[in-house]
Amino acid sequence: MILDIERLRASPLQRDPFDFVIVDNFIRAEQLPALLADFPAVPGHGSFPLGALSCGAVFARLAAELEGEELRDQIERKFAIDLAGRPTMITVRGRSDGKDGRIHTDSATKLITLLLYMNPEWEIAAGRLRLLRGAADLDDCAAEVPPLAGAMVAFRRGAASFHGHYPHRGERRVIQLNWVSDAGVVRRELGRHGWSARLKALNPFA
């Protein structure tokens, strides 16, 4: 496998200030160079549905594992949640425009959010995801996740699942996987992201 499920199994669930788990090196080291080389070309800032992008065989394998039974089973066990019959949705970001990272909780239709970062290095302070204790202060954080390749964070979406990061402009690669409440959410979200993606492809400076 590309994903190191054992690392997820061994990583403790944190409950302050909401349920989350952080896993370093979630992608096996021997798989990482090929995945970085196979990361799809993203034509602008914002989220793009994976189906709207052209990706190679290695990245397609990763997507299949992200939406596969083994990962779902471990997420269910970790968060004590039943995801049977819950659809998944994968979106990809390649760049940040300096406006990303504002504090938010994700939409109520998302049950679990999983972020898998794909940046070969990250030396700067900006762009590091922060899991927050409230909606007002990026410095009041319980944990910080540098967006280094292979780093993964998953959390239970809730009214207090505040997260964000200091503004960054430039490349910032991340894959987002969500388990959502129903198939209608996937259709609406992918439709919305799809229109946004087409507009950004026509005008990447928008």
C-alpha atoms as a PDB file:
ATOM      1  CA  MET A   1       0.000   0.000   0.000  1.00  0.00           C
ATOM      2  CA  ILE A   2       0.930   3.636  -0.452  1.00  0.00           C
ATOM      3  CA  LEU A   3      -0.655   4.680   2.855  1.00  0.00           C
ATOM      4  CA  ASP A   4       0.862   3.478   6.121  1.00  0.00           C
ATOM      5  CA  ILE A   5      -2.334   2.464   7.903  1.00  0.00           C
ATOM      6  CA  GLU A   6      -0.340   1.146  10.870  1.00  0.00           C
ATOM      7  CA  ARG A   7       0.818   4.678  11.647  1.00  0.00           C
ATOM      8  CA  LEU A   8      -2.792   5.809  11.794  1.00  0.00           C
ATOM      9  CA  ARG A   9      -3.687   2.872  14.023  1.00  0.00           C
ATOM     10  CA  ALA A  10      -0.850   3.757  16.417  1.00  0.00           C
ATOM     11  CA  SER A  11      -1.537   7.512  16.543  1.00  0.00           C
ATOM     12  CA  PRO A  12      -3.700   8.637  19.482  1.00  0.00           C
ATOM     13  CA  LEU A  13      -6.953  10.508  19.042  1.00  0.00           C
ATOM     14  CA  GLN A  14      -6.726  13.989  20.555  1.00  0.00           C
ATOM     15  CA  ARG A  15      -9.871  15.557  22.065  1.00  0.00           C
ATOM     16  CA  ASP A  16      -8.723  19.098  22.905  1.00  0.00           C
ATOM     17  CA  PRO A  17     -10.409  21.192  21.586  1.00  0.00           C
ATOM     18  CA  PHE A  18     -12.172  18.704  19.253  1.00  0.00           C
ATOM     19  CA  ASP A  19     -11.499  15.189  18.004  1.00  0.00           C
ATOM     20  CA  PHE A  20      -8.470  14.980  15.697  1.00  0.00           C
ATOM     21  CA  VAL A  21      -5.525  12.772  14.831  1.00  0.00           C
ATOM     22  CA  ILE A  22      -2.196  13.771  13.268  1.00  0.00           C
ATOM     23  CA  VAL A  23      -0.034  11.212  11.447  1.00  0.00           C
ATOM     24  CA  ASP A  24       3.451  12.036  10.190  1.00  0.00           C
ATOM     25  CA  ASN A  25       4.807  10.036   7.243  1.00  0.00           C
ATOM     26  CA  PHE A  26       1.373   8.639   6.411  1.00  0.00           C
ATOM     27  CA  ILE A  27       2.699   7.973   2.904  1.00  0.00           C
ATOM     28  CA  ARG A  28       5.343   5.251   2.812  1.00  0.00           C
ATOM     29  CA  ALA A  29       8.779   6.752   2.142  1.00  0.00           C
ATOM     30  CA  GLU A  30       9.505   4.586  -0.893  1.00  0.00           C
ATOM     31  CA  GLN A  31       6.262   5.755  -2.541  1.00  0.00           C
ATOM     32  CA  LEU A  32       6.721   9.464  -1.943  1.00  0.00           C
ATOM     33  CA  PRO A  33       9.043  10.461  -4.845  1.00  0.00           C
ATOM     34  CA  ALA A  34       6.735   8.940  -7.471  1.00  0.00           C
ATOM     35  CA  LEU A  35       3.685  10.574  -5.888  1.00  0.00           C
ATOM     36  CA  LEU A  36       5.288  13.988  -5.779  1.00  0.00           C
ATOM     37  CA  ALA A  37       6.231  13.644  -9.438  1.00  0.00           C
ATOM     38  CA  ASP A  38       2.690  12.497 -10.278  1.00  0.00           C
ATOM     39  CA  PHE A  39       0.857  15.290  -8.439  1.00  0.00           C
ATOM     40  CA  PRO A  40      -1.699  16.674 -10.910  1.00  0.00           C
ATOM     41  CA  ALA A  41      -1.217  20.053 -12.524  1.00  0.00           C
ATOM     42  CA  VAL A  42      -3.654  22.394 -10.761  1.00  0.00           C
ATOM     43  CA  PRO A  43      -4.501  25.400 -12.948  1.00  0.00           C
ATOM     44  CA  GLY A  44      -4.939  28.015 -10.217  1.00  0.00           C
ATOM     45  CA  HIS A  45      -5.784  28.597  -6.583  1.00  0.00           C
ATOM     46  CA  GLY A  46      -8.786  27.051  -4.859  1.00  0.00           C
ATOM     47  CA  SER A  47     -10.131  23.500  -4.645  1.00  0.00           C
ATOM     48  CA  PHE A  48     -10.519  21.311  -7.719  1.00  0.00           C
ATOM     49  CA  PRO A  49     -12.411  18.002  -7.837  1.00  0.00           C
ATOM     50  CA  LEU A  50      -9.971  15.187  -8.502  1.00  0.00           C
ATOM     51  CA  GLY A  51     -12.105  14.096 -11.462  1.00  0.00           C
ATOM     52  CA  ALA A  52     -11.537  17.491 -13.118  1.00  0.00           C
ATOM     53  CA  LEU A  53      -7.749  17.017 -13.093  1.00  0.00           C
ATOM     54  CA  SER A  54      -5.455  14.801 -15.105  1.00  0.00           C
ATOM     55  CA  CYS A  55      -3.457  12.450 -12.879  1.00  0.00           C
ATOM     56  CA  GLY A  56      -1.188   9.492 -13.503  1.00  0.00           C
ATOM     57  CA  ALA A  57      -1.379   5.893 -12.343  1.00  0.00           C
ATOM     58  CA  VAL A  58       0.429   6.387  -9.028  1.00  0.00           C
ATOM     59  CA  PHE A  59      -1.821   9.246  -7.969  1.00  0.00           C
ATOM     60  CA  ALA A  60      -4.880   7.249  -9.045  1.00  0.00           C
ATOM     61  CA  ARG A  61      -3.713   4.419  -6.764  1.00  0.00           C
ATOM     62  CA  LEU A  62      -3.424   6.875  -3.879  1.00  0.00           C
ATOM     63  CA  ALA A  63      -6.958   8.147  -4.524  1.00  0.00           C
ATOM     64  CA  ALA A  64      -8.273   4.580  -4.538  1.00  0.00           C
ATOM     65  CA  GLU A  65      -6.630   3.888  -1.167  1.00  0.00           C
ATOM     66  CA  LEU A  66      -8.000   7.121   0.292  1.00  0.00           C
ATOM     67  CA  GLU A  67     -11.517   6.056  -0.670  1.00  0.00           C
ATOM     68  CA  GLY A  68     -10.918   2.420   0.183  1.00  0.00           C
ATOM     69  CA  GLU A  69     -12.273   0.149   2.875  1.00  0.00           C
ATOM     70  CA  GLU A  70      -9.102  -0.171   4.944  1.00  0.00           C
ATOM     71  CA  LEU A  71      -8.722   3.553   5.582  1.00  0.00           C
ATOM     72  CA  ARG A  72     -12.458   3.972   6.225  1.00  0.00           C
ATOM     73  CA  ASP A  73     -12.341   1.140   8.751  1.00  0.00           C
ATOM     74  CA  GLN A  74      -9.486   2.747  10.674  1.00  0.00           C
ATOM     75  CA  ILE A  75     -11.141   6.172  10.643  1.00  0.00           C
ATOM     76  CA  GLU A  76     -14.347   4.582  11.966  1.00  0.00           C
ATOM     77  CA  ARG A  77     -12.423   2.917  14.774  1.00  0.00           C
ATOM     78  CA  LYS A  78     -10.398   6.017  15.620  1.00  0.00           C
ATOM     79  CA  PHE A  79     -13.367   8.374  15.784  1.00  0.00           C
ATOM     80  CA  ALA A  80     -15.991   5.833  16.923  1.00  0.00           C
ATOM     81  CA  ILE A  81     -18.181   6.778  13.968  1.00  0.00           C
ATOM     82  CA  ASP A  82     -20.187   4.687  11.522  1.00  0.00           C
ATOM     83  CA  LEU A  83     -19.311   5.683   7.956  1.00  0.00           C
ATOM     84  CA  ALA A  84     -21.078   2.785   6.243  1.00  0.00           C
ATOM     85  CA  GLY A  85     -22.908   4.120   3.227  1.00  0.00           C
ATOM     86  CA  ARG A  86     -21.436   7.596   3.619  1.00  0.00           C
ATOM     87  CA  PRO A  87     -20.081   8.945   0.317  1.00  0.00           C
ATOM     88  CA  THR A  88     -16.558  10.298  -0.077  1.00  0.00           C
ATOM     89  CA  MET A  89     -15.308  13.336  -1.934  1.00  0.00           C
ATOM     90  CA  ILE A  90     -11.719  14.207  -2.915  1.00  0.00           C
ATOM     91  CA  THR A  91     -10.604  17.703  -3.857  1.00  0.00           C
ATOM     92  CA  VAL A  92      -7.088  18.950  -4.572  1.00  0.00           C
ATOM     93  CA  ARG A  93      -5.375  22.269  -4.017  1.00  0.00           C
ATOM     94  CA  GLY A  94      -2.080  23.234  -5.590  1.00  0.00           C
ATOM     95  CA  ARG A  95      -1.699  26.910  -4.736  1.00  0.00           C
ATOM     96  CA  SER A  96      -2.760  29.430  -2.131  1.00  0.00           C
ATOM     97  CA  ASP A  97      -3.687  32.984  -3.107  1.00  0.00           C
ATOM     98  CA  GLY A  98      -3.086  34.682   0.234  1.00  0.00           C
ATOM     99  CA  LYS A  99      -6.790  34.613   1.110  1.00  0.00           C
ATOM    100  CA  ASP A 100      -6.949  30.921   2.046  1.00  0.00           C
ATOM    101  CA  GLY A 101      -6.717  29.840   5.647  1.00  0.00           C
ATOM    102  CA  ARG A 102      -9.354  32.050   7.230  1.00  0.00           C
ATOM    103  CA  ILE A 103     -10.708  30.477  10.405  1.00  0.00           C
ATOM    104  CA  HIS A 104     -13.668  28.168   9.725  1.00  0.00           C
ATOM    105  CA  THR A 105     -15.227  24.855  10.797  1.00  0.00           C
ATOM    106  CA  ASP A 106     -16.146  23.217   7.418  1.00  0.00           C
ATOM    107  CA  SER A 107     -19.746  22.764   6.336  1.00  0.00           C
ATOM    108  CA  ALA A 108     -22.154  20.777   8.511  1.00  0.00           C
ATOM    109  CA  THR A 109     -22.622  18.168   5.753  1.00  0.00           C
ATOM    110  CA  LYS A 110     -19.017  16.996   6.214  1.00  0.00           C
ATOM    111  CA  LEU A 111     -18.615  14.297   8.870  1.00  0.00           C
ATOM    112  CA  ILE A 112     -14.851  13.742   8.793  1.00  0.00           C
ATOM    113  CA  THR A 113     -12.226  15.867   7.037  1.00  0.00           C
ATOM    114  CA  LEU A 114      -8.848  14.358   6.164  1.00  0.00           C
ATOM    115  CA  LEU A 115      -6.030  16.527   4.813  1.00  0.00           C
ATOM    116  CA  LEU A 116      -2.937  14.961   3.254  1.00  0.00           C
ATOM    117  CA  TYR A 117      -0.118  17.350   2.423  1.00  0.00           C
ATOM    118  CA  MET A 118       2.223  16.985  -0.553  1.00  0.00           C
ATOM    119  CA  ASN A 119       4.897  19.695  -0.277  1.00  0.00           C
ATOM    120  CA  PRO A 120       8.534  18.454  -0.444  1.00  0.00           C
ATOM    121  CA  GLU A 121       9.645  21.115   2.064  1.00  0.00           C
ATOM    122  CA  TRP A 122       8.125  23.861   4.194  1.00  0.00           C
ATOM    123  CA  GLU A 123      10.425  26.263   6.028  1.00  0.00           C
ATOM    124  CA  ILE A 124       8.145  29.265   6.511  1.00  0.00           C
ATOM    125  CA  ALA A 125       5.674  29.940   9.340  1.00  0.00           C
ATOM    126  CA  ALA A 126       2.750  30.881   7.059  1.00  0.00           C
ATOM    127  CA  GLY A 127       0.564  28.133   5.633  1.00  0.00           C
ATOM    128  CA  ARG A 128       0.915  25.743   8.586  1.00  0.00           C
ATOM    129  CA  LEU A 129      -2.507  24.440   9.544  1.00  0.00           C
ATOM    130  CA  ARG A 130      -3.590  25.300  13.074  1.00  0.00           C
ATOM    131  CA  LEU A 131      -6.309  23.478  15.008  1.00  0.00           C
ATOM    132  CA  LEU A 132      -7.868  26.170  17.141  1.00  0.00           C
ATOM    133  CA  ARG A 133      -9.670  26.580  20.448  1.00  0.00           C
ATOM    134  CA  GLY A 134     -11.933  29.321  19.125  1.00  0.00           C
ATOM    135  CA  ALA A 135     -13.016  31.387  16.155  1.00  0.00           C
ATOM    136  CA  ALA A 136     -11.077  34.548  16.860  1.00  0.00           C
ATOM    137  CA  ASP A 137      -7.360  33.868  17.319  1.00  0.00           C
ATOM    138  CA  LEU A 138      -4.954  31.909  15.097  1.00  0.00           C
ATOM    139  CA  ASP A 139      -2.437  31.871  17.940  1.00  0.00           C
ATOM    140  CA  ASP A 140      -4.799  30.073  20.341  1.00  0.00           C
ATOM    141  CA  CYS A 141      -4.101  26.670  18.859  1.00  0.00           C
ATOM    142  CA  ALA A 142      -3.973  23.141  20.203  1.00  0.00           C
ATOM    143  CA  ALA A 143      -1.796  21.799  17.375  1.00  0.00           C
ATOM    144  CA  GLU A 144       0.024  22.968  14.256  1.00  0.00           C
ATOM    145  CA  VAL A 145       0.651  20.849  11.163  1.00  0.00           C
ATOM    146  CA  PRO A 146       3.375  21.869   8.699  1.00  0.00           C
ATOM    147  CA  PRO A 147       2.137  20.936   5.207  1.00  0.00           C
ATOM    148  CA  LEU A 148       5.062  18.604   4.521  1.00  0.00           C
ATOM    149  CA  ALA A 149       4.674  15.703   2.115  1.00  0.00           C
ATOM    150  CA  GLY A 150       3.092  12.733   3.868  1.00  0.00           C
ATOM    151  CA  ALA A 151       1.735  14.661   6.848  1.00  0.00           C
ATOM    152  CA  MET A 152      -1.930  13.875   7.510  1.00  0.00           C
ATOM    153  CA  VAL A 153      -4.503  15.357   9.829  1.00  0.00           C
ATOM    154  CA  ALA A 154      -8.079  14.112  10.198  1.00  0.00           C
ATOM    155  CA  PHE A 155     -10.766  15.640  12.382  1.00  0.00           C
ATOM    156  CA  ARG A 156     -14.418  15.313  13.238  1.00  0.00           C
ATOM    157  CA  ARG A 157     -16.358  18.257  11.893  1.00  0.00           C
ATOM    158  CA  GLY A 158     -18.379  20.045  14.557  1.00  0.00           C
ATOM    159  CA  ALA A 159     -19.572  23.446  15.678  1.00  0.00           C
ATOM    160  CA  ALA A 160     -16.198  24.020  17.370  1.00  0.00           C
ATOM    161  CA  SER A 161     -13.819  22.411  14.847  1.00  0.00           C
ATOM    162  CA  PHE A 162     -12.137  25.727  14.085  1.00  0.00           C
ATOM    163  CA  HIS A 163      -8.994  25.632  11.970  1.00  0.00           C
ATOM    164  CA  GLY A 164      -7.016  27.914   9.691  1.00  0.00           C
ATOM    165  CA  HIS A 165      -3.552  29.183   8.859  1.00  0.00           C
ATOM    166  CA  TYR A 166      -1.657  32.411   8.351  1.00  0.00           C
ATOM    167  CA  PRO A 167      -1.879  33.680   4.759  1.00  0.00           C
ATOM    168  CA  HIS A 168       0.483  32.198   2.213  1.00  0.00           C
ATOM    169  CA  ARG A 169       0.827  33.014  -1.469  1.00  0.00           C
ATOM    170  CA  GLY A 170       2.317  30.379  -3.726  1.00  0.00           C
ATOM    171  CA  GLU A 171       2.452  26.617  -4.056  1.00  0.00           C
ATOM    172  CA  ARG A 172       0.749  24.704  -1.243  1.00  0.00           C
ATOM    173  CA  ARG A 173      -0.251  21.195  -2.242  1.00  0.00           C
ATOM    174  CA  VAL A 174      -2.951  19.395  -0.293  1.00  0.00           C
ATOM    175  CA  ILE A 175      -5.428  16.584  -0.932  1.00  0.00           C
ATOM    176  CA  GLN A 176      -8.711  16.838   0.962  1.00  0.00           C
ATOM    177  CA  LEU A 177     -10.863  13.775   1.568  1.00  0.00           C
ATOM    178  CA  ASN A 178     -14.292  14.115   3.149  1.00  0.00           C
ATOM    179  CA  TRP A 179     -16.848  11.602   4.280  1.00  0.00           C
ATOM    180  CA  VAL A 180     -20.146  13.434   3.849  1.00  0.00           C
ATOM    181  CA  SER A 181     -23.745  12.970   4.917  1.00  0.00           C
ATOM    182  CA  ASP A 182     -25.272  11.886   1.589  1.00  0.00           C
ATOM    183  CA  ALA A 183     -24.762  11.642  -2.170  1.00  0.00           C
ATOM    184  CA  GLY A 184     -26.586  14.918  -2.776  1.00  0.00           C
ATOM    185  CA  VAL A 185     -23.772  16.728  -0.975  1.00  0.00           C
ATOM    186  CA  VAL A 186     -21.217  15.242  -3.363  1.00  0.00           C
ATOM    187  CA  ARG A 187     -23.244  16.308  -6.418  1.00  0.00           C
ATOM    188  CA  ARG A 188     -23.692  19.850  -5.117  1.00  0.00           C
ATOM    189  CA  GLU A 189     -20.113  20.278  -3.921  1.00  0.00           C
ATOM    190  CA  LEU A 190     -18.490  18.810  -7.021  1.00  0.00           C
ATOM    191  CA  GLY A 191     -20.790  20.870  -9.194  1.00  0.00           C
ATOM    192  CA  ARG A 192     -19.867  24.020  -7.296  1.00  0.00           C
ATOM    193  CA  HIS A 193     -16.154  23.193  -7.317  1.00  0.00           C
ATOM    194  CA  GLY A 194     -16.396  22.191 -10.955  1.00  0.00           C
ATOM    195  CA  TRP A 195     -17.812  25.534 -12.063  1.00  0.00           C
ATOM    196  CA  SER A 196     -15.243  27.319  -9.937  1.00  0.00           C
ATOM    197  CA  ALA A 197     -12.475  25.221 -11.467  1.00  0.00           C
ATOM    198  CA  ARG A 198     -13.607  26.011 -15.011  1.00  0.00           C
ATOM    199  CA  LEU A 199     -13.716  29.737 -14.279  1.00  0.00           C
ATOM    200  CA  LYS A 200     -10.267  29.658 -12.682  1.00  0.00           C
ATOM    201  CA  ALA A 201      -8.866  27.733 -15.642  1.00  0.00           C
ATOM    202  CA  LEU A 202     -10.133  30.485 -17.931  1.00  0.00           C
ATOM    203  CA  ASN A 203      -8.773  33.205 -15.655  1.00  0.00           C
ATOM    204  CA  PRO A 204      -6.166  31.881 -13.181  1.00  0.00           C
ATOM    205  CA  PHE A 205      -5.587  35.403 -11.844  1.00  0.00           C
ATOM    206  CA  ALA A 206      -9.219  35.836 -10.710  1.00  0.00           C
END
